[in-house]
Structures are given as structure tokens and as C-alpha cells.
Amino acid sequence: MTTELHLIAAASHDSASHDLADSLSLAQKEALERAVAKIVVLGAQVGVSADQMILLLQSGLTVGELLQVLAARAGDVA
């Protein structure tokens, strides 16, 4: 499983999100994978590994909150 798919799985750890992910079209899944890939790149740029992001999501952080953390770290790095 790719890093992007691990992040998607971590972000959709509840059954409702998992059911939603299963119902996506191929184009939607591809768009989701591209978006997650961009988040992985941003994380790498600010020193947060994909594994760390997965742990944060699995611990209950929402995707929106993860993006806020990455944005805050980007501000610290810039």
C-alpha cells in the first residue's frame, strides 16, 4: 500500500468515512490520491513524515486540523 493510501485509510478510520471512500468513482479516488500526495509533499517540506501524519490522524486529528498543523509549521519554516 502506498503512503498516500495509508494516509487515506488513516483519515477514514471510522466506518462512515470508510463507506464513503468505497463509494467514490475512479476519478474521485484519483483526485483524492493527488490531494493526499500534495499533503505528503507539504509535510516533508516542513519536517513531518507521512508516518507521523498517519499517527496524528489515527489519534483523532481531523484532516483539517492536520492541515492547520502543517500550515503553522510552514510559517515557522519560512
N, C-alpha and C. Protein backbone atom coordinates (compact mmCIF):
# COMPACT_ATOMS: atom_id res chain seq x y z
N MET A 1 0.86 -1.18 0.00
CA MET A 1 0.00 0.00 0.00
C MET A 1 0.90 1.24 0.00
N THR A 2 0.57 2.21 -0.84
CA THR A 2 1.39 3.42 -0.93
C THR A 2 1.17 4.31 0.29
N THR A 3 2.07 5.23 0.50
CA THR A 3 1.94 6.18 1.61
C THR A 3 0.63 6.93 1.50
N GLU A 4 0.28 7.34 0.29
CA GLU A 4 -0.97 8.08 0.11
C GLU A 4 -2.17 7.26 0.55
N LEU A 5 -2.17 5.97 0.20
CA LEU A 5 -3.29 5.11 0.59
C LEU A 5 -3.32 4.90 2.09
N HIS A 6 -2.14 4.82 2.72
CA HIS A 6 -2.10 4.71 4.18
C HIS A 6 -2.71 5.97 4.82
N LEU A 7 -2.39 7.12 4.28
CA LEU A 7 -2.95 8.36 4.82
C LEU A 7 -4.46 8.42 4.60
N ILE A 8 -4.91 7.99 3.45
CA ILE A 8 -6.35 7.97 3.19
C ILE A 8 -7.03 7.04 4.17
N ALA A 9 -6.45 5.88 4.39
CA ALA A 9 -7.03 4.92 5.33
C ALA A 9 -7.05 5.50 6.75
N ALA A 10 -5.97 6.18 7.14
CA ALA A 10 -5.93 6.78 8.47
C ALA A 10 -6.96 7.89 8.61
N ALA A 11 -7.15 8.66 7.56
CA ALA A 11 -8.12 9.75 7.60
C ALA A 11 -9.54 9.23 7.62
N SER A 12 -9.75 8.04 7.11
CA SER A 12 -11.10 7.49 7.06
C SER A 12 -11.24 6.31 8.03
N HIS A 13 -10.72 6.49 9.25
CA HIS A 13 -10.69 5.40 10.21
C HIS A 13 -12.07 5.02 10.75
N ASP A 14 -13.07 5.86 10.63
CA ASP A 14 -14.40 5.44 11.08
C ASP A 14 -15.16 4.80 9.92
N SER A 15 -16.16 4.01 10.26
CA SER A 15 -16.84 3.22 9.23
C SER A 15 -17.60 4.08 8.23
N ALA A 16 -18.16 5.21 8.65
CA ALA A 16 -18.89 6.08 7.72
C ALA A 16 -17.94 6.63 6.67
N SER A 17 -16.77 7.07 7.08
CA SER A 17 -15.79 7.58 6.12
C SER A 17 -15.28 6.47 5.22
N HIS A 18 -15.13 5.28 5.80
CA HIS A 18 -14.66 4.14 5.01
C HIS A 18 -15.69 3.79 3.94
N ASP A 19 -16.98 3.78 4.30
CA ASP A 19 -18.04 3.51 3.33
C ASP A 19 -18.04 4.56 2.22
N LEU A 20 -17.83 5.82 2.61
CA LEU A 20 -17.79 6.90 1.63
C LEU A 20 -16.63 6.69 0.67
N ALA A 21 -15.47 6.34 1.19
CA ALA A 21 -14.30 6.11 0.34
C ALA A 21 -14.55 4.97 -0.64
N ASP A 22 -15.27 3.95 -0.19
CA ASP A 22 -15.57 2.82 -1.07
C ASP A 22 -16.53 3.21 -2.19
N SER A 23 -17.34 4.24 -1.96
CA SER A 23 -18.34 4.62 -2.96
C SER A 23 -17.84 5.65 -3.97
N LEU A 24 -16.59 6.08 -3.83
CA LEU A 24 -16.05 7.07 -4.76
C LEU A 24 -15.81 6.47 -6.14
N SER A 25 -15.97 7.29 -7.15
CA SER A 25 -15.66 6.85 -8.51
C SER A 25 -14.15 6.81 -8.68
N LEU A 26 -13.70 6.20 -9.75
CA LEU A 26 -12.26 6.12 -10.03
C LEU A 26 -11.66 7.51 -10.13
N ALA A 27 -12.33 8.43 -10.80
CA ALA A 27 -11.82 9.81 -10.94
C ALA A 27 -11.73 10.49 -9.58
N GLN A 28 -12.72 10.25 -8.72
CA GLN A 28 -12.70 10.85 -7.39
C GLN A 28 -11.57 10.27 -6.55
N LYS A 29 -11.36 8.97 -6.65
CA LYS A 29 -10.27 8.32 -5.91
C LYS A 29 -8.92 8.86 -6.39
N GLU A 30 -8.78 9.04 -7.70
CA GLU A 30 -7.53 9.58 -8.24
C GLU A 30 -7.30 11.01 -7.76
N ALA A 31 -8.36 11.81 -7.72
CA ALA A 31 -8.25 13.19 -7.22
C ALA A 31 -7.86 13.18 -5.74
N LEU A 32 -8.46 12.28 -4.98
CA LEU A 32 -8.13 12.16 -3.56
C LEU A 32 -6.68 11.76 -3.38
N GLU A 33 -6.21 10.81 -4.17
CA GLU A 33 -4.81 10.40 -4.08
C GLU A 33 -3.86 11.55 -4.43
N ARG A 34 -4.22 12.37 -5.44
CA ARG A 34 -3.37 13.53 -5.79
C ARG A 34 -3.35 14.54 -4.64
N ALA A 35 -4.50 14.76 -4.01
CA ALA A 35 -4.57 15.71 -2.90
C ALA A 35 -3.72 15.21 -1.73
N VAL A 36 -3.82 13.94 -1.43
CA VAL A 36 -3.03 13.38 -0.33
C VAL A 36 -1.55 13.44 -0.67
N ALA A 37 -1.19 13.19 -1.92
CA ALA A 37 0.21 13.28 -2.33
C ALA A 37 0.75 14.70 -2.08
N LYS A 38 -0.08 15.70 -2.33
CA LYS A 38 0.34 17.09 -2.09
C LYS A 38 0.53 17.34 -0.60
N ILE A 39 -0.33 16.74 0.23
CA ILE A 39 -0.19 16.88 1.68
C ILE A 39 1.10 16.22 2.14
N VAL A 40 1.43 15.06 1.56
CA VAL A 40 2.68 14.37 1.90
C VAL A 40 3.88 15.24 1.55
N VAL A 41 3.84 15.89 0.40
CA VAL A 41 4.94 16.78 -0.01
C VAL A 41 5.05 17.95 0.96
N LEU A 42 3.93 18.57 1.30
CA LEU A 42 3.96 19.68 2.25
C LEU A 42 4.53 19.22 3.59
N GLY A 43 4.08 18.06 4.05
CA GLY A 43 4.60 17.53 5.31
C GLY A 43 6.11 17.37 5.26
N ALA A 44 6.60 16.81 4.17
CA ALA A 44 8.05 16.61 4.03
C ALA A 44 8.79 17.93 4.05
N GLN A 45 8.20 18.94 3.42
CA GLN A 45 8.85 20.26 3.37
C GLN A 45 8.96 20.90 4.75
N VAL A 46 8.03 20.58 5.64
CA VAL A 46 8.05 21.20 6.98
C VAL A 46 8.53 20.23 8.06
N GLY A 47 9.03 19.06 7.64
CA GLY A 47 9.63 18.13 8.61
C GLY A 47 8.67 17.18 9.29
N VAL A 48 7.53 16.92 8.69
CA VAL A 48 6.58 15.96 9.25
C VAL A 48 6.48 14.80 8.27
N SER A 49 6.87 13.63 8.73
CA SER A 49 6.86 12.46 7.84
C SER A 49 5.44 11.95 7.63
N ALA A 50 5.28 11.18 6.59
CA ALA A 50 3.98 10.56 6.31
C ALA A 50 3.57 9.67 7.48
N ASP A 51 4.52 8.94 8.05
CA ASP A 51 4.21 8.09 9.19
C ASP A 51 3.70 8.91 10.38
N GLN A 52 4.31 10.07 10.61
CA GLN A 52 3.86 10.94 11.69
C GLN A 52 2.45 11.45 11.42
N MET A 53 2.17 11.80 10.15
CA MET A 53 0.83 12.27 9.80
C MET A 53 -0.20 11.16 10.00
N ILE A 54 0.16 9.93 9.64
CA ILE A 54 -0.74 8.80 9.84
C ILE A 54 -1.05 8.64 11.32
N LEU A 55 -0.02 8.71 12.16
CA LEU A 55 -0.24 8.58 13.60
C LEU A 55 -1.14 9.70 14.14
N LEU A 56 -0.93 10.91 13.66
CA LEU A 56 -1.78 12.03 14.09
C LEU A 56 -3.24 11.80 13.70
N LEU A 57 -3.46 11.34 12.48
CA LEU A 57 -4.83 11.07 12.03
C LEU A 57 -5.45 9.92 12.80
N GLN A 58 -4.67 8.88 13.07
CA GLN A 58 -5.20 7.74 13.81
C GLN A 58 -5.50 8.09 15.26
N SER A 59 -4.80 9.10 15.78
CA SER A 59 -5.04 9.51 17.16
C SER A 59 -6.24 10.43 17.30
N GLY A 60 -6.87 10.79 16.17
CA GLY A 60 -8.10 11.57 16.24
C GLY A 60 -8.04 12.94 15.60
N LEU A 61 -6.88 13.35 15.14
CA LEU A 61 -6.78 14.63 14.45
C LEU A 61 -7.57 14.56 13.16
N THR A 62 -8.31 15.59 12.84
CA THR A 62 -9.02 15.62 11.57
C THR A 62 -8.07 16.06 10.47
N VAL A 63 -8.47 15.85 9.23
CA VAL A 63 -7.64 16.28 8.10
C VAL A 63 -7.48 17.80 8.14
N GLY A 64 -8.54 18.51 8.46
CA GLY A 64 -8.46 19.97 8.57
C GLY A 64 -7.47 20.40 9.64
N GLU A 65 -7.49 19.72 10.78
CA GLU A 65 -6.55 20.04 11.85
C GLU A 65 -5.12 19.71 11.44
N LEU A 66 -4.95 18.60 10.72
CA LEU A 66 -3.61 18.25 10.22
C LEU A 66 -3.09 19.33 9.29
N LEU A 67 -3.95 19.83 8.41
CA LEU A 67 -3.54 20.90 7.51
C LEU A 67 -3.17 22.16 8.27
N GLN A 68 -3.88 22.45 9.36
CA GLN A 68 -3.54 23.61 10.19
C GLN A 68 -2.16 23.44 10.83
N VAL A 69 -1.89 22.23 11.30
CA VAL A 69 -0.57 21.95 11.89
C VAL A 69 0.53 22.15 10.86
N LEU A 70 0.31 21.61 9.66
CA LEU A 70 1.32 21.74 8.60
C LEU A 70 1.50 23.20 8.19
N ALA A 71 0.40 23.93 8.10
CA ALA A 71 0.47 25.36 7.74
C ALA A 71 1.22 26.14 8.81
N ALA A 72 0.98 25.82 10.07
CA ALA A 72 1.67 26.51 11.15
C ALA A 72 3.17 26.22 11.09
N ARG A 73 3.50 24.97 10.83
CA ARG A 73 4.92 24.61 10.72
C ARG A 73 5.54 25.26 9.48
N ALA A 74 4.77 25.40 8.41
CA ALA A 74 5.28 26.06 7.21
C ALA A 74 5.60 27.51 7.52
N GLY A 75 4.77 28.14 8.33
CA GLY A 75 5.03 29.52 8.75
C GLY A 75 6.29 29.62 9.59
N ASP A 76 6.54 28.60 10.42
CA ASP A 76 7.74 28.58 11.24
C ASP A 76 8.99 28.35 10.40
N VAL A 77 8.84 27.58 9.33
CA VAL A 77 9.98 27.25 8.46
C VAL A 77 10.33 28.41 7.55
N ALA A 78 9.30 29.14 7.09
CA ALA A 78 9.51 30.22 6.12
C ALA A 78 10.28 31.38 6.67
